[in-house]
Amino acid sequence: EICYNESDIKREMSAVSSYDQRINDIKNICVSQDELDSLNEEINKAKALEDYCRKGIDKLSAAKNELNKNIYSFQADGKGYKSKIAEIDKKISLIDSGKCPTCGSQLDSPEFQEEKNRLLEEKASLEKEVSGVLDGLKLIKGRMDAVDKKSSELKQSLATSNLVNLQATYKSKVFQNTQSAEPIEKMREEVVKKIEELNKIKDDLDKKKSIYNALSMIFS
């Protein structure tokens, strides 16, 4: 019985195993489609959050502008009311003095007392308006504080958004997969060639074995 030299076969089988191992090593550093899909989902969530924050900030900014307009309007009204009250106080003080500083006439007649009472009623009405202005300003101030707080929260969420990092990671992993695909395909082609060579060597050895066996039968 012949003893075959199978070193060629072993060498080719070793080369095939080596390529298989290298392919597996490259696959191990590749990112699965599930992982990419999960990463893409996180990117979409981060985009949605940033969009929500930006729209919210814009709406709050518009609301704050309206509140500022209301503040200016209330302040103008309050200033007008206080100015009228100051004029009324001057008139009341003049009547209370009992004498006109210009002509020296007396101001203690019933007509002047009626005028004083009318002025006091007008002053009381204006003071209510001023109180309403102060209450309105207080309410607006509370709303302004709430707007500022919410706007600050949204800006903080926007500042701490991980969207840029997620996008960079996704791009890096896709590039990594793309770079890995080409060498894997080349190695697969090499494996196919090696297997073809292995089969050829095996066929040659089988032929040699058949010839040897035939010769052995002839010369035995």
Protein backbone atom coordinates (compact mmCIF):
# COMPACT_ATOMS: atom_id res chain seq x y z
CA GLU A 1 0.00 0.00 0.00
CA ILE A 2 1.35 3.37 -1.01
CA CYS A 3 1.93 6.14 1.56
CA TYR A 4 0.88 9.44 0.01
CA ASN A 5 2.66 12.78 0.61
CA GLU A 6 -0.26 15.00 1.62
CA SER A 7 1.78 18.11 2.52
CA ASP A 8 0.29 20.03 -0.42
CA ILE A 9 -3.22 19.29 0.77
CA LYS A 10 -2.39 20.24 4.33
CA ARG A 11 -0.79 23.46 3.16
CA GLU A 12 -3.87 24.45 1.15
CA MET A 13 -6.22 23.47 3.98
CA SER A 14 -4.17 25.59 6.37
CA ALA A 15 -4.44 28.55 3.99
CA VAL A 16 -8.23 28.11 3.80
CA SER A 17 -8.48 27.98 7.61
CA SER A 18 -6.32 31.09 7.85
CA TYR A 19 -8.62 33.00 5.51
CA ASP A 20 -11.68 31.81 7.42
CA GLN A 21 -10.17 33.06 10.67
CA ARG A 22 -9.30 36.44 9.17
CA ILE A 23 -12.82 36.78 7.75
CA ASN A 24 -14.29 36.01 11.18
CA ASP A 25 -11.93 38.52 12.81
CA ILE A 26 -13.07 41.26 10.44
CA LYS A 27 -16.73 40.32 10.93
CA ASN A 28 -16.25 40.64 14.67
CA ILE A 29 -15.29 44.31 14.35
CA CYS A 30 -18.19 45.01 11.99
CA VAL A 31 -21.46 46.42 13.29
CA SER A 32 -24.64 44.42 12.83
CA GLN A 33 -27.60 45.91 10.98
CA ASP A 34 -29.65 45.69 14.19
CA GLU A 35 -27.09 47.85 15.97
CA LEU A 36 -27.11 50.38 13.13
CA ASP A 37 -30.93 50.43 13.15
CA SER A 38 -30.92 50.99 16.91
CA LEU A 39 -28.40 53.80 16.53
CA ASN A 40 -30.45 55.36 13.75
CA GLU A 41 -33.54 55.23 15.97
CA GLU A 42 -31.63 57.09 18.69
CA ILE A 43 -30.58 59.70 16.12
CA ASN A 44 -34.21 60.21 15.06
CA LYS A 45 -35.26 60.62 18.71
CA ALA A 46 -32.49 63.16 19.29
CA LYS A 47 -33.52 65.05 16.15
CA ALA A 48 -37.15 65.10 17.31
CA LEU A 49 -36.08 66.37 20.74
CA GLU A 50 -33.95 69.14 19.25
CA ASP A 51 -36.78 70.13 16.93
CA TYR A 52 -39.20 70.20 19.87
CA CYS A 53 -36.78 72.34 21.91
CA ARG A 54 -36.15 74.84 19.10
CA LYS A 55 -39.86 75.25 18.33
CA GLY A 56 -40.60 75.56 22.05
CA ILE A 57 -37.90 78.21 22.49
CA ASP A 58 -39.27 80.18 19.52
CA LYS A 59 -42.82 80.05 20.91
CA LEU A 60 -41.65 81.08 24.37
CA SER A 61 -39.64 83.93 22.88
CA ALA A 62 -42.74 85.17 21.07
CA ALA A 63 -44.77 84.82 24.27
CA LYS A 64 -42.14 86.79 26.19
CA ASN A 65 -42.27 89.59 23.61
CA GLU A 66 -46.04 89.80 24.07
CA LEU A 67 -45.64 89.86 27.84
CA ASN A 68 -43.11 92.67 27.54
CA LYS A 69 -45.57 94.64 25.41
CA ASN A 70 -48.21 94.12 28.10
CA ILE A 71 -45.77 95.28 30.74
CA TYR A 72 -44.99 98.47 28.81
CA SER A 73 -48.71 99.05 28.30
CA PHE A 74 -49.50 98.54 32.00
CA GLN A 75 -46.60 100.75 33.02
CA ALA A 76 -47.75 103.51 30.68
CA ASP A 77 -51.29 103.25 32.05
CA GLY A 78 -50.01 103.30 35.61
CA LYS A 79 -47.85 106.34 34.89
CA GLY A 80 -50.85 108.12 33.38
CA TYR A 81 -53.05 107.29 36.37
CA LYS A 82 -50.41 108.46 38.86
CA SER A 83 -49.93 111.69 36.94
CA LYS A 84 -53.69 112.37 37.11
CA ILE A 85 -53.71 111.56 40.85
CA ALA A 86 -50.86 114.02 41.39
CA GLU A 87 -52.84 116.77 39.62
CA ILE A 88 -55.90 115.94 41.71
CA ASP A 89 -53.84 116.11 44.92
CA LYS A 90 -52.64 119.58 43.93
CA LYS A 91 -56.23 120.75 43.42
CA ILE A 92 -57.36 119.23 46.72
CA SER A 93 -54.42 120.85 48.52
CA LEU A 94 -55.37 124.19 47.00
CA ILE A 95 -58.96 123.85 48.19
CA ASP A 96 -57.79 122.75 51.65
CA SER A 97 -55.58 125.85 51.87
CA GLY A 98 -58.82 127.90 51.88
CA LYS A 99 -57.42 130.73 49.76
CA CYS A 100 -56.42 131.15 46.13
CA PRO A 101 -52.71 132.03 45.96
CA THR A 102 -53.29 134.06 42.77
CA CYS A 103 -56.35 136.21 43.44
CA GLY A 104 -56.65 135.74 47.21
CA SER A 105 -60.30 134.68 47.05
CA GLN A 106 -61.68 132.29 49.67
CA LEU A 107 -62.07 128.61 48.71
CA ASP A 108 -64.30 127.44 51.56
CA SER A 109 -67.63 127.85 49.82
CA PRO A 110 -69.98 124.84 49.34
CA GLU A 111 -69.14 124.82 45.64
CA PHE A 112 -65.47 124.20 46.38
CA GLN A 113 -66.35 121.50 48.90
CA GLU A 114 -68.47 119.78 46.26
CA GLU A 115 -65.53 120.05 43.84
CA LYS A 116 -63.24 118.56 46.47
CA ASN A 117 -65.62 115.62 46.99
CA ARG A 118 -65.76 115.05 43.23
CA LEU A 119 -61.96 115.13 43.06
CA LEU A 120 -61.73 112.65 45.94
CA GLU A 121 -64.09 110.28 44.14
CA GLU A 122 -62.06 110.61 40.93
CA LYS A 123 -58.86 109.99 42.88
CA ALA A 124 -60.34 106.86 44.50
CA SER A 125 -61.34 105.57 41.06
CA LEU A 126 -57.85 106.23 39.69
CA GLU A 127 -56.26 104.52 42.69
CA LYS A 128 -58.33 101.42 41.90
CA GLU A 129 -56.98 101.58 38.36
CA VAL A 130 -53.44 101.81 39.73
CA SER A 131 -54.11 98.81 41.99
CA GLY A 132 -55.38 96.91 38.94
CA VAL A 133 -52.21 97.83 37.06
CA LEU A 134 -50.04 96.59 39.92
CA ASP A 135 -51.99 93.32 40.08
CA GLY A 136 -51.64 92.94 36.31
CA LEU A 137 -47.90 93.56 36.47
CA LYS A 138 -47.58 91.00 39.24
CA LEU A 139 -49.47 88.42 37.17
CA ILE A 140 -47.35 89.15 34.11
CA LYS A 141 -44.18 88.90 36.20
CA GLY A 142 -45.25 85.41 37.32
CA ARG A 143 -45.91 84.37 33.72
CA MET A 144 -42.59 85.86 32.63
CA ASP A 145 -40.74 83.86 35.28
CA ALA A 146 -42.48 80.67 34.12
CA VAL A 147 -41.56 81.43 30.49
CA ASP A 148 -37.93 82.09 31.43
CA LYS A 149 -37.75 78.89 33.44
CA LYS A 150 -39.21 76.73 30.66
CA SER A 151 -37.02 78.42 28.05
CA SER A 152 -33.95 77.78 30.20
CA GLU A 153 -34.90 74.09 30.51
CA LEU A 154 -35.32 73.73 26.75
CA LYS A 155 -32.02 75.50 26.07
CA GLN A 156 -30.29 73.18 28.52
CA SER A 157 -31.80 70.13 26.79
CA LEU A 158 -30.62 71.52 23.46
CA ALA A 159 -27.13 72.17 24.81
CA THR A 160 -26.81 68.63 26.17
CA SER A 161 -28.21 66.96 23.05
CA ASN A 162 -26.18 63.96 21.94
CA LEU A 163 -27.26 64.23 18.30
CA VAL A 164 -23.87 65.29 16.90
CA ASN A 165 -22.07 62.44 18.69
CA LEU A 166 -24.69 59.92 17.60
CA GLN A 167 -24.44 61.01 13.98
CA ALA A 168 -20.63 60.85 14.11
CA THR A 169 -20.76 57.37 15.64
CA TYR A 170 -23.25 56.15 13.02
CA LYS A 171 -21.15 57.56 10.19
CA SER A 172 -18.01 55.97 11.64
CA LYS A 173 -19.62 52.55 11.98
CA VAL A 174 -21.07 52.62 8.47
CA PHE A 175 -17.65 53.61 7.12
CA GLN A 176 -16.09 50.81 9.16
CA ASN A 177 -18.48 48.28 7.65
CA THR A 178 -17.84 49.63 4.16
CA GLN A 179 -14.09 49.38 4.63
CA SER A 180 -14.41 45.83 5.96
CA ALA A 181 -16.68 44.58 3.17
CA GLU A 182 -14.04 44.86 0.44
CA PRO A 183 -11.27 42.82 2.15
CA ILE A 184 -13.81 40.19 3.21
CA GLU A 185 -14.99 39.79 -0.38
CA LYS A 186 -11.40 39.54 -1.61
CA MET A 187 -10.58 36.89 0.98
CA ARG A 188 -13.69 34.94 0.04
CA GLU A 189 -12.46 34.91 -3.55
CA GLU A 190 -9.10 33.67 -2.32
CA VAL A 191 -10.80 30.93 -0.31
CA VAL A 192 -12.69 29.80 -3.43
CA LYS A 193 -9.40 29.67 -5.36
CA LYS A 194 -7.70 27.72 -2.58
CA ILE A 195 -10.53 25.22 -2.45
CA GLU A 196 -10.29 24.79 -6.21
CA GLU A 197 -6.54 24.22 -5.89
CA LEU A 198 -7.16 21.80 -3.02
CA ASN A 199 -9.61 19.81 -5.12
CA LYS A 200 -7.16 19.76 -8.01
CA ILE A 201 -4.35 18.42 -5.78
CA LYS A 202 -6.72 15.81 -4.36
CA ASP A 203 -7.75 14.74 -7.87
CA ASP A 204 -4.08 14.46 -8.90
CA LEU A 205 -3.33 12.33 -5.85
CA ASP A 206 -6.33 10.14 -6.57
CA LYS A 207 -5.12 9.63 -10.15
CA LYS A 208 -1.62 8.73 -8.92
CA LYS A 209 -3.11 6.28 -6.47
CA SER A 210 -5.17 4.61 -9.23
CA ILE A 211 -2.11 4.32 -11.50
CA TYR A 212 0.01 2.92 -8.67
CA ASN A 213 -2.67 0.37 -7.78
CA ALA A 214 -3.01 -0.66 -11.43
CA LEU A 215 0.75 -1.09 -11.80
CA SER A 216 0.88 -3.02 -8.55
CA MET A 217 -1.68 -5.50 -9.90
CA ILE A 218 0.22 -5.89 -13.20
CA PHE A 219 3.61 -6.56 -11.64
CA SER A 220 2.45 -8.47 -8.61
